[in-house]
Amino acid sequence: MRMAEPTEKLSITMPQDIADAARARSGTGGLSAYVAAAVARQVERDNLNELIAVAEAEHGPITEEDVAATRARQQRARAEHATTGPTAA
């Protein structure tokens, strides 16, 4: 959560065990920041799922082969960047 953004005070209800775990893990940033970050991640996931649905509606379902090919391209790009990138010696 960025401090420059307007905030809104909310009241939420969640299972006790999840609340206890969130309090235990929230650290110095506090529970509000921890929950806000978790909700932000969920919103990002929801947005990505919507994009995937649109892409699949237009181009057909994403196959395991598509996923494997994309992962392989990413691994090759990372490997190439590691050997030719700005920090490579």
PDB file of N, CA and C in Angstrom:
ATOM      1  N   MET A   1       0.850  -1.169   0.000  1.00  0.00           N
ATOM      2  CA  MET A   1       0.000   0.000   0.000  1.00  0.00           C
ATOM      3  C   MET A   1       0.893   1.229   0.000  1.00  0.00           C
ATOM      4  N   ARG A   2       0.612   2.154  -0.893  1.00  0.00           N
ATOM      5  CA  ARG A   2       1.382   3.384  -0.976  1.00  0.00           C
ATOM      6  C   ARG A   2       0.712   4.438  -0.108  1.00  0.00           C
ATOM      7  N   MET A   3       1.503   5.110   0.719  1.00  0.00           N
ATOM      8  CA  MET A   3       0.962   6.051   1.687  1.00  0.00           C
ATOM      9  C   MET A   3       0.322   7.276   1.031  1.00  0.00           C
ATOM     10  N   ALA A   4       0.720   7.647  -0.172  1.00  0.00           N
ATOM     11  CA  ALA A   4       0.196   8.842  -0.824  1.00  0.00           C
ATOM     12  C   ALA A   4      -1.247   8.637  -1.288  1.00  0.00           C
ATOM     13  N   GLU A   5      -1.688   7.397  -1.389  1.00  0.00           N
ATOM     14  CA  GLU A   5      -3.035   7.118  -1.857  1.00  0.00           C
ATOM     15  C   GLU A   5      -4.053   7.351  -0.741  1.00  0.00           C
ATOM     16  N   PRO A   6      -5.246   7.799  -1.123  1.00  0.00           N
ATOM     17  CA  PRO A   6      -6.303   7.912  -0.120  1.00  0.00           C
ATOM     18  C   PRO A   6      -6.614   6.532   0.456  1.00  0.00           C
ATOM     19  N   THR A   7      -7.017   6.487   1.695  1.00  0.00           N
ATOM     20  CA  THR A   7      -7.369   5.220   2.328  1.00  0.00           C
ATOM     21  C   THR A   7      -8.805   5.259   2.798  1.00  0.00           C
ATOM     22  N   GLU A   8      -9.338   4.091   3.069  1.00  0.00           N
ATOM     23  CA  GLU A   8     -10.693   3.962   3.590  1.00  0.00           C
ATOM     24  C   GLU A   8     -10.668   2.960   4.723  1.00  0.00           C
ATOM     25  N   LYS A   9     -11.258   3.298   5.820  1.00  0.00           N
ATOM     26  CA  LYS A   9     -11.344   2.391   6.957  1.00  0.00           C
ATOM     27  C   LYS A   9     -12.473   1.408   6.699  1.00  0.00           C
ATOM     28  N   LEU A  10     -12.180   0.119   6.836  1.00  0.00           N
ATOM     29  CA  LEU A  10     -13.158  -0.935   6.606  1.00  0.00           C
ATOM     30  C   LEU A  10     -13.246  -1.827   7.833  1.00  0.00           C
ATOM     31  N   SER A  11     -14.338  -2.507   7.944  1.00  0.00           N
ATOM     32  CA  SER A  11     -14.499  -3.544   8.956  1.00  0.00           C
ATOM     33  C   SER A  11     -14.689  -4.850   8.193  1.00  0.00           C
ATOM     34  N   ILE A  12     -13.855  -5.839   8.484  1.00  0.00           N
ATOM     35  CA  ILE A  12     -13.960  -7.113   7.777  1.00  0.00           C
ATOM     36  C   ILE A  12     -14.116  -8.240   8.793  1.00  0.00           C
ATOM     37  N   THR A  13     -14.632  -9.343   8.322  1.00  0.00           N
ATOM     38  CA  THR A  13     -14.791 -10.531   9.150  1.00  0.00           C
ATOM     39  C   THR A  13     -14.066 -11.670   8.451  1.00  0.00           C
ATOM     40  N   MET A  14     -13.281 -12.432   9.242  1.00  0.00           N
ATOM     41  CA  MET A  14     -12.583 -13.584   8.682  1.00  0.00           C
ATOM     42  C   MET A  14     -12.465 -14.645   9.763  1.00  0.00           C
ATOM     43  N   PRO A  15     -12.194 -15.873   9.373  1.00  0.00           N
ATOM     44  CA  PRO A  15     -12.024 -16.934  10.359  1.00  0.00           C
ATOM     45  C   PRO A  15     -10.906 -16.586  11.358  1.00  0.00           C
ATOM     46  N   GLN A  16     -11.099 -16.970  12.606  1.00  0.00           N
ATOM     47  CA  GLN A  16     -10.160 -16.626  13.670  1.00  0.00           C
ATOM     48  C   GLN A  16      -8.742 -17.106  13.377  1.00  0.00           C
ATOM     49  N   ASP A  17      -8.592 -18.335  12.862  1.00  0.00           N
ATOM     50  CA  ASP A  17      -7.246 -18.852  12.614  1.00  0.00           C
ATOM     51  C   ASP A  17      -6.515 -18.033  11.549  1.00  0.00           C
ATOM     52  N   ILE A  18      -7.239 -17.555  10.546  1.00  0.00           N
ATOM     53  CA  ILE A  18      -6.616 -16.719   9.519  1.00  0.00           C
ATOM     54  C   ILE A  18      -6.255 -15.358  10.101  1.00  0.00           C
ATOM     55  N   ALA A  19      -7.140 -14.798  10.911  1.00  0.00           N
ATOM     56  CA  ALA A  19      -6.850 -13.518  11.554  1.00  0.00           C
ATOM     57  C   ALA A  19      -5.618 -13.627  12.443  1.00  0.00           C
ATOM     58  N   ASP A  20      -5.523 -14.706  13.215  1.00  0.00           N
ATOM     59  CA  ASP A  20      -4.362 -14.906  14.093  1.00  0.00           C
ATOM     60  C   ASP A  20      -3.076 -15.023  13.279  1.00  0.00           C
ATOM     61  N   ALA A  21      -3.132 -15.784  12.195  1.00  0.00           N
ATOM     62  CA  ALA A  21      -1.942 -15.951  11.350  1.00  0.00           C
ATOM     63  C   ALA A  21      -1.541 -14.626  10.713  1.00  0.00           C
ATOM     64  N   ALA A  22      -2.519 -13.845  10.262  1.00  0.00           N
ATOM     65  CA  ALA A  22      -2.229 -12.555   9.637  1.00  0.00           C
ATOM     66  C   ALA A  22      -1.584 -11.611  10.652  1.00  0.00           C
ATOM     67  N   ARG A  23      -2.111 -11.576  11.869  1.00  0.00           N
ATOM     68  CA  ARG A  23      -1.520 -10.722  12.912  1.00  0.00           C
ATOM     69  C   ARG A  23      -0.083 -11.157  13.200  1.00  0.00           C
ATOM     70  N   ALA A  24       0.142 -12.457  13.268  1.00  0.00           N
ATOM     71  CA  ALA A  24       1.472 -12.979  13.583  1.00  0.00           C
ATOM     72  C   ALA A  24       2.478 -12.655  12.478  1.00  0.00           C
ATOM     73  N   ARG A  25       2.015 -12.582  11.241  1.00  0.00           N
ATOM     74  CA  ARG A  25       2.906 -12.359  10.104  1.00  0.00           C
ATOM     75  C   ARG A  25       2.990 -10.909   9.659  1.00  0.00           C
ATOM     76  N   SER A  26       2.140 -10.057  10.175  1.00  0.00           N
ATOM     77  CA  SER A  26       2.057  -8.696   9.646  1.00  0.00           C
ATOM     78  C   SER A  26       3.263  -7.834   9.988  1.00  0.00           C
ATOM     79  N   GLY A  27       3.998  -8.165  11.015  1.00  0.00           N
ATOM     80  CA  GLY A  27       5.242  -7.466  11.319  1.00  0.00           C
ATOM     81  C   GLY A  27       5.051  -5.991  11.589  1.00  0.00           C
ATOM     82  N   THR A  28       6.118  -5.231  11.326  1.00  0.00           N
ATOM     83  CA  THR A  28       6.134  -3.811  11.663  1.00  0.00           C
ATOM     84  C   THR A  28       5.204  -2.982  10.795  1.00  0.00           C
ATOM     85  N   GLY A  29       4.843  -3.466   9.613  1.00  0.00           N
ATOM     86  CA  GLY A  29       3.952  -2.724   8.734  1.00  0.00           C
ATOM     87  C   GLY A  29       2.527  -2.701   9.232  1.00  0.00           C
ATOM     88  N   GLY A  30       2.178  -3.633  10.108  1.00  0.00           N
ATOM     89  CA  GLY A  30       0.843  -3.676  10.670  1.00  0.00           C
ATOM     90  C   GLY A  30      -0.123  -4.513   9.870  1.00  0.00           C
ATOM     91  N   LEU A  31      -1.191  -4.864  10.542  1.00  0.00           N
ATOM     92  CA  LEU A  31      -2.196  -5.734   9.948  1.00  0.00           C
ATOM     93  C   LEU A  31      -2.881  -5.086   8.751  1.00  0.00           C
ATOM     94  N   SER A  32      -3.179  -3.809   8.824  1.00  0.00           N
ATOM     95  CA  SER A  32      -3.857  -3.145   7.701  1.00  0.00           C
ATOM     96  C   SER A  32      -3.030  -3.230   6.426  1.00  0.00           C
ATOM     97  N   ALA A  33      -1.729  -2.958   6.521  1.00  0.00           N
ATOM     98  CA  ALA A  33      -0.867  -3.029   5.346  1.00  0.00           C
ATOM     99  C   ALA A  33      -0.780  -4.459   4.822  1.00  0.00           C
ATOM    100  N   TYR A  34      -0.731  -5.428   5.730  1.00  0.00           N
ATOM    101  CA  TYR A  34      -0.647  -6.837   5.349  1.00  0.00           C
ATOM    102  C   TYR A  34      -1.901  -7.254   4.577  1.00  0.00           C
ATOM    103  N   VAL A  35      -3.066  -6.890   5.116  1.00  0.00           N
ATOM    104  CA  VAL A  35      -4.326  -7.239   4.459  1.00  0.00           C
ATOM    105  C   VAL A  35      -4.450  -6.498   3.130  1.00  0.00           C
ATOM    106  N   ALA A  36      -4.078  -5.226   3.086  1.00  0.00           N
ATOM    107  CA  ALA A  36      -4.152  -4.459   1.841  1.00  0.00           C
ATOM    108  C   ALA A  36      -3.282  -5.097   0.758  1.00  0.00           C
ATOM    109  N   ALA A  37      -2.076  -5.549   1.132  1.00  0.00           N
ATOM    110  CA  ALA A  37      -1.193  -6.202   0.159  1.00  0.00           C
ATOM    111  C   ALA A  37      -1.804  -7.507  -0.337  1.00  0.00           C
ATOM    112  N   ALA A  38      -2.421  -8.266   0.562  1.00  0.00           N
ATOM    113  CA  ALA A  38      -3.054  -9.524   0.165  1.00  0.00           C
ATOM    114  C   ALA A  38      -4.219  -9.275  -0.789  1.00  0.00           C
ATOM    115  N   VAL A  39      -5.019  -8.274  -0.503  1.00  0.00           N
ATOM    116  CA  VAL A  39      -6.148  -7.948  -1.377  1.00  0.00           C
ATOM    117  C   VAL A  39      -5.632  -7.448  -2.727  1.00  0.00           C
ATOM    118  N   ALA A  40      -4.573  -6.648  -2.716  1.00  0.00           N
ATOM    119  CA  ALA A  40      -3.997  -6.156  -3.974  1.00  0.00           C
ATOM    120  C   ALA A  40      -3.528  -7.321  -4.842  1.00  0.00           C
ATOM    121  N   ARG A  41      -2.882  -8.320  -4.215  1.00  0.00           N
ATOM    122  CA  ARG A  41      -2.450  -9.502  -4.977  1.00  0.00           C
ATOM    123  C   ARG A  41      -3.647 -10.246  -5.563  1.00  0.00           C
ATOM    124  N   GLN A  42      -4.735 -10.345  -4.795  1.00  0.00           N
ATOM    125  CA  GLN A  42      -5.924 -11.036  -5.297  1.00  0.00           C
ATOM    126  C   GLN A  42      -6.541 -10.281  -6.465  1.00  0.00           C
ATOM    127  N   VAL A  43      -6.577  -8.964  -6.378  1.00  0.00           N
ATOM    128  CA  VAL A  43      -7.105  -8.152  -7.486  1.00  0.00           C
ATOM    129  C   VAL A  43      -6.259  -8.376  -8.741  1.00  0.00           C
ATOM    130  N   GLU A  44      -4.926  -8.430  -8.584  1.00  0.00           N
ATOM    131  CA  GLU A  44      -4.051  -8.701  -9.731  1.00  0.00           C
ATOM    132  C   GLU A  44      -4.370 -10.070 -10.340  1.00  0.00           C
ATOM    133  N   ARG A  45      -4.558 -11.070  -9.485  1.00  0.00           N
ATOM    134  CA  ARG A  45      -4.890 -12.414  -9.980  1.00  0.00           C
ATOM    135  C   ARG A  45      -6.225 -12.407 -10.723  1.00  0.00           C
ATOM    136  N   ASP A  46      -7.216 -11.716 -10.143  1.00  0.00           N
ATOM    137  CA  ASP A  46      -8.521 -11.634 -10.799  1.00  0.00           C
ATOM    138  C   ASP A  46      -8.397 -10.966 -12.159  1.00  0.00           C
ATOM    139  N   ASN A  47      -7.611  -9.885 -12.243  1.00  0.00           N
ATOM    140  CA  ASN A  47      -7.398  -9.191 -13.516  1.00  0.00           C
ATOM    141  C   ASN A  47      -6.726 -10.106 -14.529  1.00  0.00           C
ATOM    142  N   LEU A  48      -5.720 -10.867 -14.094  1.00  0.00           N
ATOM    143  CA  LEU A  48      -5.046 -11.805 -14.998  1.00  0.00           C
ATOM    144  C   LEU A  48      -5.993 -12.892 -15.471  1.00  0.00           C
ATOM    145  N   ASN A  49      -6.824 -13.399 -14.563  1.00  0.00           N
ATOM    146  CA  ASN A  49      -7.800 -14.420 -14.964  1.00  0.00           C
ATOM    147  C   ASN A  49      -8.776 -13.881 -15.991  1.00  0.00           C
ATOM    148  N   GLU A  50      -9.170 -12.614 -15.846  1.00  0.00           N
ATOM    149  CA  GLU A  50     -10.053 -11.999 -16.845  1.00  0.00           C
ATOM    150  C   GLU A  50      -9.351 -11.893 -18.196  1.00  0.00           C
ATOM    151  N   LEU A  51      -8.070 -11.501 -18.188  1.00  0.00           N
ATOM    152  CA  LEU A  51      -7.315 -11.421 -19.448  1.00  0.00           C
ATOM    153  C   LEU A  51      -7.187 -12.786 -20.103  1.00  0.00           C
ATOM    154  N   ILE A  52      -6.938 -13.807 -19.289  1.00  0.00           N
ATOM    155  CA  ILE A  52      -6.835 -15.172 -19.821  1.00  0.00           C
ATOM    156  C   ILE A  52      -8.158 -15.589 -20.449  1.00  0.00           C
ATOM    157  N   ALA A  53      -9.262 -15.286 -19.782  1.00  0.00           N
ATOM    158  CA  ALA A  53     -10.581 -15.648 -20.322  1.00  0.00           C
ATOM    159  C   ALA A  53     -10.828 -14.972 -21.657  1.00  0.00           C
ATOM    160  N   VAL A  54     -10.465 -13.702 -21.775  1.00  0.00           N
ATOM    161  CA  VAL A  54     -10.636 -12.977 -23.035  1.00  0.00           C
ATOM    162  C   VAL A  54      -9.761 -13.604 -24.119  1.00  0.00           C
ATOM    163  N   ALA A  55      -8.504 -13.891 -23.791  1.00  0.00           N
ATOM    164  CA  ALA A  55      -7.587 -14.482 -24.772  1.00  0.00           C
ATOM    165  C   ALA A  55      -8.071 -15.857 -25.212  1.00  0.00           C
ATOM    166  N   GLU A  56      -8.550 -16.654 -24.251  1.00  0.00           N
ATOM    167  CA  GLU A  56      -9.036 -17.981 -24.617  1.00  0.00           C
ATOM    168  C   GLU A  56     -10.309 -17.900 -25.455  1.00  0.00           C
ATOM    169  N   ALA A  57     -11.148 -16.936 -25.178  1.00  0.00           N
ATOM    170  CA  ALA A  57     -12.362 -16.771 -25.991  1.00  0.00           C
ATOM    171  C   ALA A  57     -12.001 -16.412 -27.424  1.00  0.00           C
ATOM    172  N   GLU A  58     -10.936 -15.647 -27.584  1.00  0.00           N
ATOM    173  CA  GLU A  58     -10.531 -15.206 -28.918  1.00  0.00           C
ATOM    174  C   GLU A  58      -9.673 -16.236 -29.640  1.00  0.00           C
ATOM    175  N   HIS A  59      -8.785 -16.930 -28.896  1.00  0.00           N
ATOM    176  CA  HIS A  59      -7.786 -17.804 -29.535  1.00  0.00           C
ATOM    177  C   HIS A  59      -7.911 -19.277 -29.168  1.00  0.00           C
ATOM    178  N   GLY A  60      -8.838 -19.620 -28.320  1.00  0.00           N
ATOM    179  CA  GLY A  60      -8.985 -21.004 -27.879  1.00  0.00           C
ATOM    180  C   GLY A  60      -8.240 -21.244 -26.573  1.00  0.00           C
ATOM    181  N   PRO A  61      -8.487 -22.389 -25.961  1.00  0.00           N
ATOM    182  CA  PRO A  61      -7.891 -22.681 -24.660  1.00  0.00           C
ATOM    183  C   PRO A  61      -6.365 -22.723 -24.703  1.00  0.00           C
ATOM    184  N   ILE A  62      -5.773 -22.339 -23.604  1.00  0.00           N
ATOM    185  CA  ILE A  62      -4.317 -22.436 -23.448  1.00  0.00           C
ATOM    186  C   ILE A  62      -3.999 -23.877 -23.073  1.00  0.00           C
ATOM    187  N   THR A  63      -3.121 -24.498 -23.834  1.00  0.00           N
ATOM    188  CA  THR A  63      -2.775 -25.903 -23.602  1.00  0.00           C
ATOM    189  C   THR A  63      -1.526 -26.017 -22.733  1.00  0.00           C
ATOM    190  N   GLU A  64      -1.304 -27.208 -22.213  1.00  0.00           N
ATOM    191  CA  GLU A  64      -0.075 -27.467 -21.451  1.00  0.00           C
ATOM    192  C   GLU A  64       1.151 -27.260 -22.336  1.00  0.00           C
ATOM    193  N   GLU A  65       1.016 -27.577 -23.623  1.00  0.00           N
ATOM    194  CA  GLU A  65       2.118 -27.366 -24.560  1.00  0.00           C
ATOM    195  C   GLU A  65       2.422 -25.874 -24.706  1.00  0.00           C
ATOM    196  N   ASP A  66       1.386 -25.036 -24.752  1.00  0.00           N
ATOM    197  CA  ASP A  66       1.580 -23.581 -24.804  1.00  0.00           C
ATOM    198  C   ASP A  66       2.348 -23.101 -23.573  1.00  0.00           C
ATOM    199  N   VAL A  67       1.938 -23.582 -22.412  1.00  0.00           N
ATOM    200  CA  VAL A  67       2.581 -23.182 -21.161  1.00  0.00           C
ATOM    201  C   VAL A  67       4.036 -23.634 -21.161  1.00  0.00           C
ATOM    202  N   ALA A  68       4.290 -24.879 -21.549  1.00  0.00           N
ATOM    203  CA  ALA A  68       5.657 -25.406 -21.567  1.00  0.00           C
ATOM    204  C   ALA A  68       6.531 -24.625 -22.545  1.00  0.00           C
ATOM    205  N   ALA A  69       6.001 -24.301 -23.722  1.00  0.00           N
ATOM    206  CA  ALA A  69       6.770 -23.544 -24.709  1.00  0.00           C
ATOM    207  C   ALA A  69       7.095 -22.146 -24.197  1.00  0.00           C
ATOM    208  N   THR A  70       6.145 -21.506 -23.537  1.00  0.00           N
ATOM    209  CA  THR A  70       6.390 -20.169 -22.986  1.00  0.00           C
ATOM    210  C   THR A  70       7.426 -20.222 -21.880  1.00  0.00           C
ATOM    211  N   ARG A  71       7.337 -21.213 -21.008  1.00  0.00           N
ATOM    212  CA  ARG A  71       8.344 -21.361 -19.947  1.00  0.00           C
ATOM    213  C   ARG A  71       9.735 -21.587 -20.532  1.00  0.00           C
ATOM    214  N   ALA A  72       9.816 -22.392 -21.573  1.00  0.00           N
ATOM    215  CA  ALA A  72      11.111 -22.649 -22.207  1.00  0.00           C
ATOM    216  C   ALA A  72      11.682 -21.364 -22.808  1.00  0.00           C
ATOM    217  N   ARG A  73      10.833 -20.562 -23.466  1.00  0.00           N
ATOM    218  CA  ARG A  73      11.302 -19.282 -24.019  1.00  0.00           C
ATOM    219  C   ARG A  73      11.788 -18.358 -22.910  1.00  0.00           C
ATOM    220  N   GLN A  74      11.063 -18.311 -21.803  1.00  0.00           N
ATOM    221  CA  GLN A  74      11.472 -17.464 -20.683  1.00  0.00           C
ATOM    222  C   GLN A  74      12.802 -17.927 -20.096  1.00  0.00           C
ATOM    223  N   GLN A  75      12.978 -19.223 -19.950  1.00  0.00           N
ATOM    224  CA  GLN A  75      14.237 -19.749 -19.421  1.00  0.00           C
ATOM    225  C   GLN A  75      15.400 -19.430 -20.349  1.00  0.00           C
ATOM    226  N   ARG A  76      15.176 -19.562 -21.655  1.00  0.00           N
ATOM    227  CA  ARG A  76      16.234 -19.219 -22.615  1.00  0.00           C
ATOM    228  C   ARG A  76      16.577 -17.740 -22.533  1.00  0.00           C
ATOM    229  N   ALA A  77      15.546 -16.890 -22.432  1.00  0.00           N
ATOM    230  CA  ALA A  77      15.776 -15.448 -22.347  1.00  0.00           C
ATOM    231  C   ALA A  77      16.527 -15.092 -21.071  1.00  0.00           C
ATOM    232  N   ARG A  78      16.168 -15.724 -19.938  1.00  0.00           N
ATOM    233  CA  ARG A  78      16.884 -15.463 -18.682  1.00  0.00           C
ATOM    234  C   ARG A  78      18.338 -15.899 -18.786  1.00  0.00           C
ATOM    235  N   ALA A  79      18.560 -17.058 -19.373  1.00  0.00           N
ATOM    236  CA  ALA A  79      19.922 -17.567 -19.521  1.00  0.00           C
ATOM    237  C   ALA A  79      20.748 -16.651 -20.418  1.00  0.00           C
ATOM    238  N   GLU A  80      20.140 -16.194 -21.508  1.00  0.00           N
ATOM    239  CA  GLU A  80      20.839 -15.290 -22.405  1.00  0.00           C
ATOM    240  C   GLU A  80      21.141 -13.962 -21.715  1.00  0.00           C
ATOM    241  N   HIS A  81      20.174 -13.458 -20.974  1.00  0.00           N
ATOM    242  CA  HIS A  81      20.380 -12.191 -20.257  1.00  0.00           C
ATOM    243  C   HIS A  81      21.482 -12.337 -19.203  1.00  0.00           C
ATOM    244  N   ALA A  82      21.548 -13.498 -18.574  1.00  0.00           N
ATOM    245  CA  ALA A  82      22.571 -13.715 -17.549  1.00  0.00           C
ATOM    246  C   ALA A  82      23.975 -13.690 -18.143  1.00  0.00           C
ATOM    247  N   THR A  83      24.107 -14.097 -19.398  1.00  0.00           N
ATOM    248  CA  THR A  83      25.432 -14.120 -20.026  1.00  0.00           C
ATOM    249  C   THR A  83      25.735 -12.878 -20.842  1.00  0.00           C
ATOM    250  N   THR A  84      24.700 -12.131 -21.244  1.00  0.00           N
ATOM    251  CA  THR A  84      24.950 -10.960 -22.093  1.00  0.00           C
ATOM    252  C   THR A  84      24.402  -9.672 -21.490  1.00  0.00           C
ATOM    253  N   GLY A  85      23.739  -9.773 -20.344  1.00  0.00           N
ATOM    254  CA  GLY A  85      23.106  -8.623 -19.730  1.00  0.00           C
ATOM    255  C   GLY A  85      24.113  -7.596 -19.234  1.00  0.00           C
ATOM    256  N   PRO A  86      23.621  -6.462 -18.738  1.00  0.00           N
ATOM    257  CA  PRO A  86      24.488  -5.362 -18.313  1.00  0.00           C
ATOM    258  C   PRO A  86      25.411  -5.713 -17.160  1.00  0.00           C
ATOM    259  N   THR A  87      25.034  -6.725 -16.343  1.00  0.00           N
ATOM    260  CA  THR A  87      25.889  -7.071 -15.207  1.00  0.00           C
ATOM    261  C   THR A  87      26.811  -8.222 -15.523  1.00  0.00           C
ATOM    262  N   ALA A  88      26.709  -8.814 -16.714  1.00  0.00           N
ATOM    263  CA  ALA A  88      27.586  -9.926 -17.072  1.00  0.00           C
ATOM    264  C   ALA A  88      28.998  -9.401 -17.255  1.00  0.00           C
ATOM    265  N   ALA A  89      29.938 -10.191 -16.770  1.00  0.00           N
ATOM    266  CA  ALA A  89      31.343  -9.770 -16.875  1.00  0.00           C
ATOM    267  C   ALA A  89      32.045 -10.441 -18.016  1.00  0.00           C
TER     268      ALA A  89
END
